[in-house]
Amino acid sequence: CTLDSEVALRVGGDFFFDPQPGDSPVNLVLIAGGVGINPLFSILLHIADLHGYQEGKGNRHKLGTAKLYYSAKNTSELLFKKNILGLMKAFPGKISCCFHVTQQRSQICKELQPHITGK
């Protein structure tokens, strides 16, 4: 976002991301903490499927980017982290993630280090 950008937020409840062919592309910012990642991970998988389908078959979906901000006490509590890293590698520039840990006591593995903020 830039200064004066319009942003829509949704907290809790039933929500989904289901772009239709012909819709204008949107850039998503997904924010999760702990087990709250579950529905957002499903959205990321759906976005990856659409990107894969778009690249493979030339569908009419116009997709923007998806950025996930995901926080937990430590890296062992970051659910789906390996899957998320795989999505980022498969769709560079289209799907990205920043993990945040608040109480990490041990060394952070090299694979996660570029994507970790916090302690």
PDB file of N, CA and C in Angstrom:
ATOM      1  N   CYS A   1       0.835  -1.189   0.000  1.00  0.00           N
ATOM      2  CA  CYS A   1       0.000   0.000   0.000  1.00  0.00           C
ATOM      3  C   CYS A   1       0.871   1.241   0.000  1.00  0.00           C
ATOM      4  N   THR A   2       0.332   2.273  -0.467  1.00  0.00           N
ATOM      5  CA  THR A   2       0.994   3.567  -0.429  1.00  0.00           C
ATOM      6  C   THR A   2       0.118   4.523   0.370  1.00  0.00           C
ATOM      7  N   LEU A   3       0.663   5.660   0.707  1.00  0.00           N
ATOM      8  CA  LEU A   3      -0.073   6.672   1.437  1.00  0.00           C
ATOM      9  C   LEU A   3      -1.391   6.969   0.721  1.00  0.00           C
ATOM     10  N   ASP A   4      -2.465   6.998   1.478  1.00  0.00           N
ATOM     11  CA  ASP A   4      -3.816   7.270   0.987  1.00  0.00           C
ATOM     12  C   ASP A   4      -4.436   6.113   0.200  1.00  0.00           C
ATOM     13  N   SER A   5      -3.822   4.903   0.252  1.00  0.00           N
ATOM     14  CA  SER A   5      -4.434   3.736  -0.388  1.00  0.00           C
ATOM     15  C   SER A   5      -5.658   3.312   0.403  1.00  0.00           C
ATOM     16  N   GLU A   6      -6.636   2.783  -0.292  1.00  0.00           N
ATOM     17  CA  GLU A   6      -7.812   2.241   0.372  1.00  0.00           C
ATOM     18  C   GLU A   6      -7.537   0.788   0.726  1.00  0.00           C
ATOM     19  N   VAL A   7      -7.834   0.426   1.960  1.00  0.00           N
ATOM     20  CA  VAL A   7      -7.576  -0.924   2.451  1.00  0.00           C
ATOM     21  C   VAL A   7      -8.842  -1.451   3.115  1.00  0.00           C
ATOM     22  N   ALA A   8      -9.201  -2.696   2.816  1.00  0.00           N
ATOM     23  CA  ALA A   8     -10.345  -3.337   3.461  1.00  0.00           C
ATOM     24  C   ALA A   8      -9.816  -4.390   4.422  1.00  0.00           C
ATOM     25  N   LEU A   9     -10.342  -4.416   5.628  1.00  0.00           N
ATOM     26  CA  LEU A   9      -9.942  -5.393   6.638  1.00  0.00           C
ATOM     27  C   LEU A   9     -11.135  -6.222   7.039  1.00  0.00           C
ATOM     28  N   ARG A  10     -10.848  -7.472   7.370  1.00  0.00           N
ATOM     29  CA  ARG A  10     -11.892  -8.363   7.862  1.00  0.00           C
ATOM     30  C   ARG A  10     -11.288  -9.183   8.980  1.00  0.00           C
ATOM     31  N   VAL A  11     -11.918  -9.212  10.118  1.00  0.00           N
ATOM     32  CA  VAL A  11     -11.415  -9.944  11.274  1.00  0.00           C
ATOM     33  C   VAL A  11     -12.445 -10.989  11.678  1.00  0.00           C
ATOM     34  N   GLY A  12     -12.009 -12.251  11.740  1.00  0.00           N
ATOM     35  CA  GLY A  12     -12.871 -13.326  12.209  1.00  0.00           C
ATOM     36  C   GLY A  12     -14.048 -13.600  11.297  1.00  0.00           C
ATOM     37  N   GLY A  13     -14.873 -14.543  11.705  1.00  0.00           N
ATOM     38  CA  GLY A  13     -16.083 -14.869  10.969  1.00  0.00           C
ATOM     39  C   GLY A  13     -15.814 -15.701   9.729  1.00  0.00           C
ATOM     40  N   ASP A  14     -16.842 -15.882   8.924  1.00  0.00           N
ATOM     41  CA  ASP A  14     -16.729 -16.625   7.674  1.00  0.00           C
ATOM     42  C   ASP A  14     -16.169 -15.707   6.592  1.00  0.00           C
ATOM     43  N   PHE A  15     -15.091 -16.134   5.977  1.00  0.00           N
ATOM     44  CA  PHE A  15     -14.534 -15.349   4.887  1.00  0.00           C
ATOM     45  C   PHE A  15     -13.876 -16.288   3.898  1.00  0.00           C
ATOM     46  N   PHE A  16     -13.694 -15.801   2.672  1.00  0.00           N
ATOM     47  CA  PHE A  16     -13.115 -16.612   1.615  1.00  0.00           C
ATOM     48  C   PHE A  16     -12.561 -15.682   0.543  1.00  0.00           C
ATOM     49  N   PHE A  17     -11.787 -16.251  -0.351  1.00  0.00           N
ATOM     50  CA  PHE A  17     -11.267 -15.516  -1.500  1.00  0.00           C
ATOM     51  C   PHE A  17     -11.613 -16.335  -2.733  1.00  0.00           C
ATOM     52  N   ASP A  18     -12.493 -15.818  -3.548  1.00  0.00           N
ATOM     53  CA  ASP A  18     -12.958 -16.544  -4.718  1.00  0.00           C
ATOM     54  C   ASP A  18     -13.057 -15.601  -5.915  1.00  0.00           C
ATOM     55  N   PRO A  19     -11.902 -15.237  -6.481  1.00  0.00           N
ATOM     56  CA  PRO A  19     -11.954 -14.338  -7.637  1.00  0.00           C
ATOM     57  C   PRO A  19     -12.579 -15.037  -8.837  1.00  0.00           C
ATOM     58  N   GLN A  20     -13.278 -14.273  -9.623  1.00  0.00           N
ATOM     59  CA  GLN A  20     -13.929 -14.812 -10.815  1.00  0.00           C
ATOM     60  C   GLN A  20     -13.179 -14.335 -12.060  1.00  0.00           C
ATOM     61  N   PRO A  21     -13.234 -15.101 -13.138  1.00  0.00           N
ATOM     62  CA  PRO A  21     -12.612 -14.650 -14.380  1.00  0.00           C
ATOM     63  C   PRO A  21     -13.158 -13.271 -14.757  1.00  0.00           C
ATOM     64  N   GLY A  22     -12.287 -12.410 -15.145  1.00  0.00           N
ATOM     65  CA  GLY A  22     -12.712 -11.061 -15.519  1.00  0.00           C
ATOM     66  C   GLY A  22     -12.662 -10.059 -14.383  1.00  0.00           C
ATOM     67  N   ASP A  23     -12.569 -10.520 -13.113  1.00  0.00           N
ATOM     68  CA  ASP A  23     -12.420  -9.591 -11.993  1.00  0.00           C
ATOM     69  C   ASP A  23     -11.077  -8.873 -12.103  1.00  0.00           C
ATOM     70  N   SER A  24     -11.031  -7.655 -11.622  1.00  0.00           N
ATOM     71  CA  SER A  24      -9.763  -6.931 -11.561  1.00  0.00           C
ATOM     72  C   SER A  24      -8.854  -7.611 -10.545  1.00  0.00           C
ATOM     73  N   PRO A  25      -7.553  -7.646 -10.821  1.00  0.00           N
ATOM     74  CA  PRO A  25      -6.646  -8.274  -9.850  1.00  0.00           C
ATOM     75  C   PRO A  25      -6.581  -7.480  -8.553  1.00  0.00           C
ATOM     76  N   VAL A  26      -6.450  -8.187  -7.445  1.00  0.00           N
ATOM     77  CA  VAL A  26      -6.292  -7.555  -6.144  1.00  0.00           C
ATOM     78  C   VAL A  26      -5.036  -8.110  -5.492  1.00  0.00           C
ATOM     79  N   ASN A  27      -4.381  -7.278  -4.710  1.00  0.00           N
ATOM     80  CA  ASN A  27      -3.251  -7.710  -3.914  1.00  0.00           C
ATOM     81  C   ASN A  27      -3.764  -7.992  -2.516  1.00  0.00           C
ATOM     82  N   LEU A  28      -3.468  -9.187  -2.003  1.00  0.00           N
ATOM     83  CA  LEU A  28      -3.944  -9.584  -0.682  1.00  0.00           C
ATOM     84  C   LEU A  28      -2.830  -9.464   0.344  1.00  0.00           C
ATOM     85  N   VAL A  29      -3.194  -8.981   1.529  1.00  0.00           N
ATOM     86  CA  VAL A  29      -2.327  -9.014   2.697  1.00  0.00           C
ATOM     87  C   VAL A  29      -3.071  -9.852   3.729  1.00  0.00           C
ATOM     88  N   LEU A  30      -2.504 -10.990   4.079  1.00  0.00           N
ATOM     89  CA  LEU A  30      -3.121 -11.916   5.028  1.00  0.00           C
ATOM     90  C   LEU A  30      -2.321 -11.874   6.319  1.00  0.00           C
ATOM     91  N   ILE A  31      -3.009 -11.726   7.448  1.00  0.00           N
ATOM     92  CA  ILE A  31      -2.341 -11.612   8.749  1.00  0.00           C
ATOM     93  C   ILE A  31      -2.884 -12.700   9.660  1.00  0.00           C
ATOM     94  N   ALA A  32      -1.959 -13.521  10.191  1.00  0.00           N
ATOM     95  CA  ALA A  32      -2.379 -14.648  11.034  1.00  0.00           C
ATOM     96  C   ALA A  32      -1.491 -14.749  12.259  1.00  0.00           C
ATOM     97  N   GLY A  33      -2.067 -15.281  13.314  1.00  0.00           N
ATOM     98  CA  GLY A  33      -1.316 -15.592  14.524  1.00  0.00           C
ATOM     99  C   GLY A  33      -1.667 -16.997  14.974  1.00  0.00           C
ATOM    100  N   GLY A  34      -0.642 -17.793  15.268  1.00  0.00           N
ATOM    101  CA  GLY A  34      -0.862 -19.143  15.787  1.00  0.00           C
ATOM    102  C   GLY A  34      -1.716 -19.994  14.881  1.00  0.00           C
ATOM    103  N   VAL A  35      -2.710 -20.675  15.468  1.00  0.00           N
ATOM    104  CA  VAL A  35      -3.569 -21.570  14.694  1.00  0.00           C
ATOM    105  C   VAL A  35      -4.533 -20.812  13.779  1.00  0.00           C
ATOM    106  N   GLY A  36      -4.572 -19.492  13.888  1.00  0.00           N
ATOM    107  CA  GLY A  36      -5.388 -18.683  12.992  1.00  0.00           C
ATOM    108  C   GLY A  36      -4.924 -18.763  11.545  1.00  0.00           C
ATOM    109  N   ILE A  37      -3.822 -19.449  11.308  1.00  0.00           N
ATOM    110  CA  ILE A  37      -3.309 -19.628   9.955  1.00  0.00           C
ATOM    111  C   ILE A  37      -4.194 -20.554   9.119  1.00  0.00           C
ATOM    112  N   ASN A  38      -4.957 -21.430   9.757  1.00  0.00           N
ATOM    113  CA  ASN A  38      -5.699 -22.463   9.013  1.00  0.00           C
ATOM    114  C   ASN A  38      -6.522 -21.925   7.848  1.00  0.00           C
ATOM    115  N   PRO A  39      -7.451 -21.002   8.030  1.00  0.00           N
ATOM    116  CA  PRO A  39      -8.224 -20.544   6.872  1.00  0.00           C
ATOM    117  C   PRO A  39      -7.381 -19.754   5.879  1.00  0.00           C
ATOM    118  N   LEU A  40      -6.372 -19.057   6.367  1.00  0.00           N
ATOM    119  CA  LEU A  40      -5.533 -18.276   5.463  1.00  0.00           C
ATOM    120  C   LEU A  40      -4.620 -19.167   4.638  1.00  0.00           C
ATOM    121  N   PHE A  41      -4.193 -20.285   5.208  1.00  0.00           N
ATOM    122  CA  PHE A  41      -3.396 -21.236   4.441  1.00  0.00           C
ATOM    123  C   PHE A  41      -4.241 -21.816   3.305  1.00  0.00           C
ATOM    124  N   SER A  42      -5.514 -22.071   3.570  1.00  0.00           N
ATOM    125  CA  SER A  42      -6.414 -22.541   2.512  1.00  0.00           C
ATOM    126  C   SER A  42      -6.520 -21.513   1.394  1.00  0.00           C
ATOM    127  N   ILE A  43      -6.589 -20.244   1.754  1.00  0.00           N
ATOM    128  CA  ILE A  43      -6.633 -19.178   0.749  1.00  0.00           C
ATOM    129  C   ILE A  43      -5.338 -19.174  -0.061  1.00  0.00           C
ATOM    130  N   LEU A  44      -4.189 -19.323   0.605  1.00  0.00           N
ATOM    131  CA  LEU A  44      -2.905 -19.381  -0.118  1.00  0.00           C
ATOM    132  C   LEU A  44      -2.867 -20.551  -1.096  1.00  0.00           C
ATOM    133  N   LEU A  45      -3.359 -21.711  -0.659  1.00  0.00           N
ATOM    134  CA  LEU A  45      -3.394 -22.866  -1.557  1.00  0.00           C
ATOM    135  C   LEU A  45      -4.283 -22.597  -2.769  1.00  0.00           C
ATOM    136  N   HIS A  46      -5.402 -21.938  -2.548  1.00  0.00           N
ATOM    137  CA  HIS A  46      -6.311 -21.595  -3.649  1.00  0.00           C
ATOM    138  C   HIS A  46      -5.619 -20.628  -4.617  1.00  0.00           C
ATOM    139  N   ILE A  47      -4.932 -19.638  -4.073  1.00  0.00           N
ATOM    140  CA  ILE A  47      -4.193 -18.686  -4.920  1.00  0.00           C
ATOM    141  C   ILE A  47      -3.134 -19.421  -5.724  1.00  0.00           C
ATOM    142  N   ALA A  48      -2.395 -20.337  -5.084  1.00  0.00           N
ATOM    143  CA  ALA A  48      -1.371 -21.109  -5.791  1.00  0.00           C
ATOM    144  C   ALA A  48      -1.993 -21.941  -6.912  1.00  0.00           C
ATOM    145  N   ASP A  49      -3.141 -22.564  -6.622  1.00  0.00           N
ATOM    146  CA  ASP A  49      -3.824 -23.334  -7.665  1.00  0.00           C
ATOM    147  C   ASP A  49      -4.194 -22.448  -8.846  1.00  0.00           C
ATOM    148  N   LEU A  50      -4.715 -21.264  -8.559  1.00  0.00           N
ATOM    149  CA  LEU A  50      -5.098 -20.351  -9.635  1.00  0.00           C
ATOM    150  C   LEU A  50      -3.875 -19.878 -10.414  1.00  0.00           C
ATOM    151  N   HIS A  51      -2.778 -19.579  -9.727  1.00  0.00           N
ATOM    152  CA  HIS A  51      -1.546 -19.184 -10.416  1.00  0.00           C
ATOM    153  C   HIS A  51      -1.038 -20.330 -11.283  1.00  0.00           C
ATOM    154  N   GLY A  52      -1.047 -21.540 -10.741  1.00  0.00           N
ATOM    155  CA  GLY A  52      -0.601 -22.701 -11.509  1.00  0.00           C
ATOM    156  C   GLY A  52      -1.473 -22.956 -12.717  1.00  0.00           C
ATOM    157  N   TYR A  53      -2.765 -22.832 -12.533  1.00  0.00           N
ATOM    158  CA  TYR A  53      -3.707 -23.018 -13.632  1.00  0.00           C
ATOM    159  C   TYR A  53      -3.517 -21.925 -14.671  1.00  0.00           C
ATOM    160  N   GLN A  54      -3.304 -20.698 -14.196  1.00  0.00           N
ATOM    161  CA  GLN A  54      -3.114 -19.556 -15.086  1.00  0.00           C
ATOM    162  C   GLN A  54      -1.877 -19.756 -15.949  1.00  0.00           C
ATOM    163  N   GLU A  55      -0.781 -20.216 -15.336  1.00  0.00           N
ATOM    164  CA  GLU A  55       0.459 -20.414 -16.076  1.00  0.00           C
ATOM    165  C   GLU A  55       0.343 -21.596 -17.029  1.00  0.00           C
ATOM    166  N   GLY A  56      -0.347 -22.647 -16.596  1.00  0.00           N
ATOM    167  CA  GLY A  56      -0.418 -23.856 -17.395  1.00  0.00           C
ATOM    168  C   GLY A  56      -1.441 -23.821 -18.512  1.00  0.00           C
ATOM    169  N   LYS A  57      -2.552 -23.166 -18.279  1.00  0.00           N
ATOM    170  CA  LYS A  57      -3.654 -23.243 -19.236  1.00  0.00           C
ATOM    171  C   LYS A  57      -4.102 -21.885 -19.777  1.00  0.00           C
ATOM    172  N   GLY A  58      -3.524 -20.812 -19.280  1.00  0.00           N
ATOM    173  CA  GLY A  58      -3.909 -19.499 -19.765  1.00  0.00           C
ATOM    174  C   GLY A  58      -5.337 -19.125 -19.422  1.00  0.00           C
ATOM    175  N   ASN A  59      -5.745 -19.344 -18.176  1.00  0.00           N
ATOM    176  CA  ASN A  59      -7.126 -19.015 -17.817  1.00  0.00           C
ATOM    177  C   ASN A  59      -7.316 -17.499 -17.759  1.00  0.00           C
ATOM    178  N   ARG A  60      -8.530 -17.073 -17.513  1.00  0.00           N
ATOM    179  CA  ARG A  60      -8.862 -15.652 -17.552  1.00  0.00           C
ATOM    180  C   ARG A  60      -8.778 -14.982 -16.192  1.00  0.00           C
ATOM    181  N   HIS A  61      -8.356 -15.702 -15.151  1.00  0.00           N
ATOM    182  CA  HIS A  61      -8.200 -15.073 -13.835  1.00  0.00           C
ATOM    183  C   HIS A  61      -7.017 -14.116 -13.872  1.00  0.00           C
ATOM    184  N   LYS A  62      -7.241 -12.929 -13.366  1.00  0.00           N
ATOM    185  CA  LYS A  62      -6.170 -11.944 -13.234  1.00  0.00           C
ATOM    186  C   LYS A  62      -5.861 -11.848 -11.751  1.00  0.00           C
ATOM    187  N   LEU A  63      -4.691 -12.312 -11.364  1.00  0.00           N
ATOM    188  CA  LEU A  63      -4.347 -12.365  -9.948  1.00  0.00           C
ATOM    189  C   LEU A  63      -3.271 -11.352  -9.608  1.00  0.00           C
ATOM    190  N   GLY A  64      -3.417 -10.751  -8.442  1.00  0.00           N
ATOM    191  CA  GLY A  64      -2.378  -9.883  -7.912  1.00  0.00           C
ATOM    192  C   GLY A  64      -1.423 -10.710  -7.063  1.00  0.00           C
ATOM    193  N   THR A  65      -0.828 -10.068  -6.094  1.00  0.00           N
ATOM    194  CA  THR A  65       0.107 -10.749  -5.202  1.00  0.00           C
ATOM    195  C   THR A  65      -0.576 -11.091  -3.878  1.00  0.00           C
ATOM    196  N   ALA A  66       0.014 -12.025  -3.166  1.00  0.00           N
ATOM    197  CA  ALA A  66      -0.462 -12.391  -1.830  1.00  0.00           C
ATOM    198  C   ALA A  66       0.722 -12.334  -0.881  1.00  0.00           C
ATOM    199  N   LYS A  67       0.593 -11.562   0.182  1.00  0.00           N
ATOM    200  CA  LYS A  67       1.641 -11.439   1.201  1.00  0.00           C
ATOM    201  C   LYS A  67       1.048 -11.892   2.525  1.00  0.00           C
ATOM    202  N   LEU A  68       1.696 -12.875   3.148  1.00  0.00           N
ATOM    203  CA  LEU A  68       1.250 -13.404   4.431  1.00  0.00           C
ATOM    204  C   LEU A  68       2.172 -12.912   5.530  1.00  0.00           C
ATOM    205  N   TYR A  69       1.597 -12.376   6.580  1.00  0.00           N
ATOM    206  CA  TYR A  69       2.310 -12.042   7.815  1.00  0.00           C
ATOM    207  C   TYR A  69       1.800 -13.017   8.866  1.00  0.00           C
ATOM    208  N   TYR A  70       2.724 -13.800   9.421  1.00  0.00           N
ATOM    209  CA  TYR A  70       2.324 -14.896  10.296  1.00  0.00           C
ATOM    210  C   TYR A  70       3.193 -14.889  11.549  1.00  0.00           C
ATOM    211  N   SER A  71       2.558 -14.818  12.708  1.00  0.00           N
ATOM    212  CA  SER A  71       3.261 -14.711  13.980  1.00  0.00           C
ATOM    213  C   SER A  71       2.955 -15.895  14.879  1.00  0.00           C
ATOM    214  N   ALA A  72       3.989 -16.311  15.641  1.00  0.00           N
ATOM    215  CA  ALA A  72       3.842 -17.361  16.649  1.00  0.00           C
ATOM    216  C   ALA A  72       4.918 -17.152  17.705  1.00  0.00           C
ATOM    217  N   LYS A  73       4.838 -17.906  18.799  1.00  0.00           N
ATOM    218  CA  LYS A  73       5.835 -17.785  19.866  1.00  0.00           C
ATOM    219  C   LYS A  73       7.229 -18.146  19.371  1.00  0.00           C
ATOM    220  N   ASN A  74       7.321 -19.220  18.611  1.00  0.00           N
ATOM    221  CA  ASN A  74       8.619 -19.667  18.100  1.00  0.00           C
ATOM    222  C   ASN A  74       8.404 -20.393  16.779  1.00  0.00           C
ATOM    223  N   THR A  75       9.484 -20.730  16.118  1.00  0.00           N
ATOM    224  CA  THR A  75       9.369 -21.338  14.790  1.00  0.00           C
ATOM    225  C   THR A  75       8.717 -22.702  14.821  1.00  0.00           C
ATOM    226  N   SER A  76       8.817 -23.419  15.941  1.00  0.00           N
ATOM    227  CA  SER A  76       8.164 -24.736  16.003  1.00  0.00           C
ATOM    228  C   SER A  76       6.643 -24.605  16.023  1.00  0.00           C
ATOM    229  N   GLU A  77       6.121 -23.442  16.376  1.00  0.00           N
ATOM    230  CA  GLU A  77       4.676 -23.228  16.395  1.00  0.00           C
ATOM    231  C   GLU A  77       4.149 -22.589  15.109  1.00  0.00           C
ATOM    232  N   LEU A  78       5.019 -22.367  14.145  1.00  0.00           N
ATOM    233  CA  LEU A  78       4.585 -21.856  12.848  1.00  0.00           C
ATOM    234  C   LEU A  78       4.074 -23.033  12.018  1.00  0.00           C
ATOM    235  N   LEU A  79       2.769 -23.222  12.000  1.00  0.00           N
ATOM    236  CA  LEU A  79       2.171 -24.329  11.262  1.00  0.00           C
ATOM    237  C   LEU A  79       2.331 -24.112   9.761  1.00  0.00           C
ATOM    238  N   PHE A  80       2.486 -25.176   9.029  1.00  0.00           N
ATOM    239  CA  PHE A  80       2.572 -25.155   7.556  1.00  0.00           C
ATOM    240  C   PHE A  80       3.778 -24.386   7.023  1.00  0.00           C
ATOM    241  N   LYS A  81       4.784 -24.099   7.858  1.00  0.00           N
ATOM    242  CA  LYS A  81       5.902 -23.261   7.405  1.00  0.00           C
ATOM    243  C   LYS A  81       6.608 -23.836   6.181  1.00  0.00           C
ATOM    244  N   LYS A  82       6.832 -25.143   6.144  1.00  0.00           N
ATOM    245  CA  LYS A  82       7.510 -25.744   4.988  1.00  0.00           C
ATOM    246  C   LYS A  82       6.641 -25.647   3.732  1.00  0.00           C
ATOM    247  N   ASN A  83       5.343 -25.821   3.895  1.00  0.00           N
ATOM    248  CA  ASN A  83       4.430 -25.681   2.759  1.00  0.00           C
ATOM    249  C   ASN A  83       4.414 -24.239   2.249  1.00  0.00           C
ATOM    250  N   ILE A  84       4.413 -23.291   3.169  1.00  0.00           N
ATOM    251  CA  ILE A  84       4.395 -21.875   2.787  1.00  0.00           C
ATOM    252  C   ILE A  84       5.683 -21.521   2.057  1.00  0.00           C
ATOM    253  N   LEU A  85       6.833 -21.992   2.570  1.00  0.00           N
ATOM    254  CA  LEU A  85       8.102 -21.756   1.885  1.00  0.00           C
ATOM    255  C   LEU A  85       8.077 -22.361   0.481  1.00  0.00           C
ATOM    256  N   GLY A  86       7.465 -23.532   0.342  1.00  0.00           N
ATOM    257  CA  GLY A  86       7.339 -24.166  -0.970  1.00  0.00           C
ATOM    258  C   GLY A  86       6.499 -23.345  -1.931  1.00  0.00           C
ATOM    259  N   LEU A  87       5.413 -22.755  -1.434  1.00  0.00           N
ATOM    260  CA  LEU A  87       4.582 -21.891  -2.286  1.00  0.00           C
ATOM    261  C   LEU A  87       5.349 -20.648  -2.727  1.00  0.00           C
ATOM    262  N   MET A  88       6.149 -20.104  -1.812  1.00  0.00           N
ATOM    263  CA  MET A  88       6.939 -18.917  -2.152  1.00  0.00           C
ATOM    264  C   MET A  88       7.968 -19.249  -3.233  1.00  0.00           C
ATOM    265  N   LYS A  89       8.570 -20.432  -3.150  1.00  0.00           N
ATOM    266  CA  LYS A  89       9.551 -20.853  -4.160  1.00  0.00           C
ATOM    267  C   LYS A  89       8.881 -21.140  -5.496  1.00  0.00           C
ATOM    268  N   ALA A  90       7.699 -21.721  -5.450  1.00  0.00           N
ATOM    269  CA  ALA A  90       6.985 -22.073  -6.674  1.00  0.00           C
ATOM    270  C   ALA A  90       6.438 -20.850  -7.402  1.00  0.00           C
ATOM    271  N   PHE A  91       6.097 -19.803  -6.630  1.00  0.00           N
ATOM    272  CA  PHE A  91       5.491 -18.605  -7.222  1.00  0.00           C
ATOM    273  C   PHE A  91       6.207 -17.346  -6.732  1.00  0.00           C
ATOM    274  N   PRO A  92       7.492 -17.191  -7.072  1.00  0.00           N
ATOM    275  CA  PRO A  92       8.249 -16.023  -6.587  1.00  0.00           C
ATOM    276  C   PRO A  92       7.646 -14.722  -7.115  1.00  0.00           C
ATOM    277  N   GLY A  93       7.576 -13.756  -6.229  1.00  0.00           N
ATOM    278  CA  GLY A  93       6.999 -12.466  -6.601  1.00  0.00           C
ATOM    279  C   GLY A  93       5.484 -12.443  -6.574  1.00  0.00           C
ATOM    280  N   LYS A  94       4.872 -13.607  -6.460  1.00  0.00           N
ATOM    281  CA  LYS A  94       3.414 -13.688  -6.432  1.00  0.00           C
ATOM    282  C   LYS A  94       2.905 -14.039  -5.040  1.00  0.00           C
ATOM    283  N   ILE A  95       3.630 -14.933  -4.353  1.00  0.00           N
ATOM    284  CA  ILE A  95       3.283 -15.316  -2.981  1.00  0.00           C
ATOM    285  C   ILE A  95       4.514 -15.096  -2.118  1.00  0.00           C
ATOM    286  N   SER A  96       4.351 -14.328  -1.031  1.00  0.00           N
ATOM    287  CA  SER A  96       5.473 -14.086  -0.122  1.00  0.00           C
ATOM    288  C   SER A  96       4.973 -14.151   1.320  1.00  0.00           C
ATOM    289  N   CYS A  97       5.929 -14.293   2.231  1.00  0.00           N
ATOM    290  CA  CYS A  97       5.572 -14.433   3.631  1.00  0.00           C
ATOM    291  C   CYS A  97       6.649 -13.831   4.508  1.00  0.00           C
ATOM    292  N   CYS A  98       6.204 -13.237   5.598  1.00  0.00           N
ATOM    293  CA  CYS A  98       7.100 -12.765   6.646  1.00  0.00           C
ATOM    294  C   CYS A  98       6.627 -13.412   7.943  1.00  0.00           C
ATOM    295  N   PHE A  99       7.484 -14.260   8.518  1.00  0.00           N
ATOM    296  CA  PHE A  99       7.176 -14.897   9.789  1.00  0.00           C
ATOM    297  C   PHE A  99       7.687 -14.009  10.919  1.00  0.00           C
ATOM    298  N   HIS A 100       6.957 -13.957  12.009  1.00  0.00           N
ATOM    299  CA  HIS A 100       7.381 -13.190  13.178  1.00  0.00           C
ATOM    300  C   HIS A 100       7.305 -14.098  14.394  1.00  0.00           C
ATOM    301  N   VAL A 101       8.407 -14.181  15.139  1.00  0.00           N
ATOM    302  CA  VAL A 101       8.412 -14.977  16.361  1.00  0.00           C
ATOM    303  C   VAL A 101       8.660 -14.060  17.542  1.00  0.00           C
ATOM    304  N   THR A 102       7.982 -14.347  18.654  1.00  0.00           N
ATOM    305  CA  THR A 102       8.038 -13.457  19.809  1.00  0.00           C
ATOM    306  C   THR A 102       8.865 -13.989  20.967  1.00  0.00           C
ATOM    307  N   GLN A 103       9.054 -15.323  21.034  1.00  0.00           N
ATOM    308  CA  GLN A 103       9.760 -15.886  22.183  1.00  0.00           C
ATOM    309  C   GLN A 103      10.751 -16.968  21.766  1.00  0.00           C
ATOM    310  N   GLN A 104      11.392 -16.791  20.635  1.00  0.00           N
ATOM    311  CA  GLN A 104      12.347 -17.793  20.140  1.00  0.00           C
ATOM    312  C   GLN A 104      13.574 -17.817  21.042  1.00  0.00           C
ATOM    313  N   ARG A 105      13.931 -18.975  21.523  1.00  0.00           N
ATOM    314  CA  ARG A 105      15.106 -19.128  22.388  1.00  0.00           C
ATOM    315  C   ARG A 105      16.249 -19.828  21.658  1.00  0.00           C
ATOM    316  N   SER A 106      15.930 -20.668  20.697  1.00  0.00           N
ATOM    317  CA  SER A 106      16.954 -21.438  20.006  1.00  0.00           C
ATOM    318  C   SER A 106      17.296 -20.797  18.657  1.00  0.00           C
ATOM    319  N   GLN A 107      18.330 -21.323  18.044  1.00  0.00           N
ATOM    320  CA  GLN A 107      18.781 -20.861  16.729  1.00  0.00           C
ATOM    321  C   GLN A 107      17.674 -21.087  15.697  1.00  0.00           C
ATOM    322  N   ILE A 108      17.508 -20.171  14.778  1.00  0.00           N
ATOM    323  CA  ILE A 108      16.527 -20.298  13.705  1.00  0.00           C
ATOM    324  C   ILE A 108      17.213 -20.951  12.513  1.00  0.00           C
ATOM    325  N   CYS A 109      16.580 -21.960  11.930  1.00  0.00           N
ATOM    326  CA  CYS A 109      17.192 -22.684  10.812  1.00  0.00           C
ATOM    327  C   CYS A 109      17.442 -21.736   9.640  1.00  0.00           C
ATOM    328  N   LYS A 110      18.461 -22.054   8.843  1.00  0.00           N
ATOM    329  CA  LYS A 110      18.871 -21.187   7.731  1.00  0.00           C
ATOM    330  C   LYS A 110      17.768 -20.965   6.715  1.00  0.00           C
ATOM    331  N   GLU A 111      16.947 -21.981   6.495  1.00  0.00           N
ATOM    332  CA  GLU A 111      15.874 -21.869   5.517  1.00  0.00           C
ATOM    333  C   GLU A 111      14.855 -20.795   5.904  1.00  0.00           C
ATOM    334  N   LEU A 112      14.604 -20.642   7.202  1.00  0.00           N
ATOM    335  CA  LEU A 112      13.630 -19.655   7.675  1.00  0.00           C
ATOM    336  C   LEU A 112      14.226 -18.273   7.926  1.00  0.00           C
ATOM    337  N   GLN A 113      15.519 -18.197   8.196  1.00  0.00           N
ATOM    338  CA  GLN A 113      16.137 -16.941   8.607  1.00  0.00           C
ATOM    339  C   GLN A 113      15.799 -15.739   7.726  1.00  0.00           C
ATOM    340  N   PRO A 114      15.809 -15.859   6.405  1.00  0.00           N
ATOM    341  CA  PRO A 114      15.497 -14.665   5.584  1.00  0.00           C
ATOM    342  C   PRO A 114      14.064 -14.166   5.737  1.00  0.00           C
ATOM    343  N   HIS A 115      13.205 -14.995   6.286  1.00  0.00           N
ATOM    344  CA  HIS A 115      11.782 -14.648   6.362  1.00  0.00           C
ATOM    345  C   HIS A 115      11.310 -14.370   7.777  1.00  0.00           C
ATOM    346  N   ILE A 116      12.216 -14.361   8.754  1.00  0.00           N
ATOM    347  CA  ILE A 116      11.868 -14.215  10.172  1.00  0.00           C
ATOM    348  C   ILE A 116      12.173 -12.819  10.677  1.00  0.00           C
ATOM    349  N   THR A 117      11.222 -12.269  11.425  1.00  0.00           N
ATOM    350  CA  THR A 117      11.470 -11.045  12.180  1.00  0.00           C
ATOM    351  C   THR A 117      11.186 -11.358  13.645  1.00  0.00           C
ATOM    352  N   GLY A 118      11.576 -10.478  14.530  1.00  0.00           N
ATOM    353  CA  GLY A 118      11.354 -10.701  15.951  1.00  0.00           C
ATOM    354  C   GLY A 118      12.620 -11.238  16.589  1.00  0.00           C
ATOM    355  N   LYS A 119      12.468 -11.875  17.743  1.00  0.00           N
ATOM    356  CA  LYS A 119      13.623 -12.381  18.486  1.00  0.00           C
ATOM    357  C   LYS A 119      14.250 -13.571  17.806  1.00  0.00           C
TER     358      LYS A 119
END
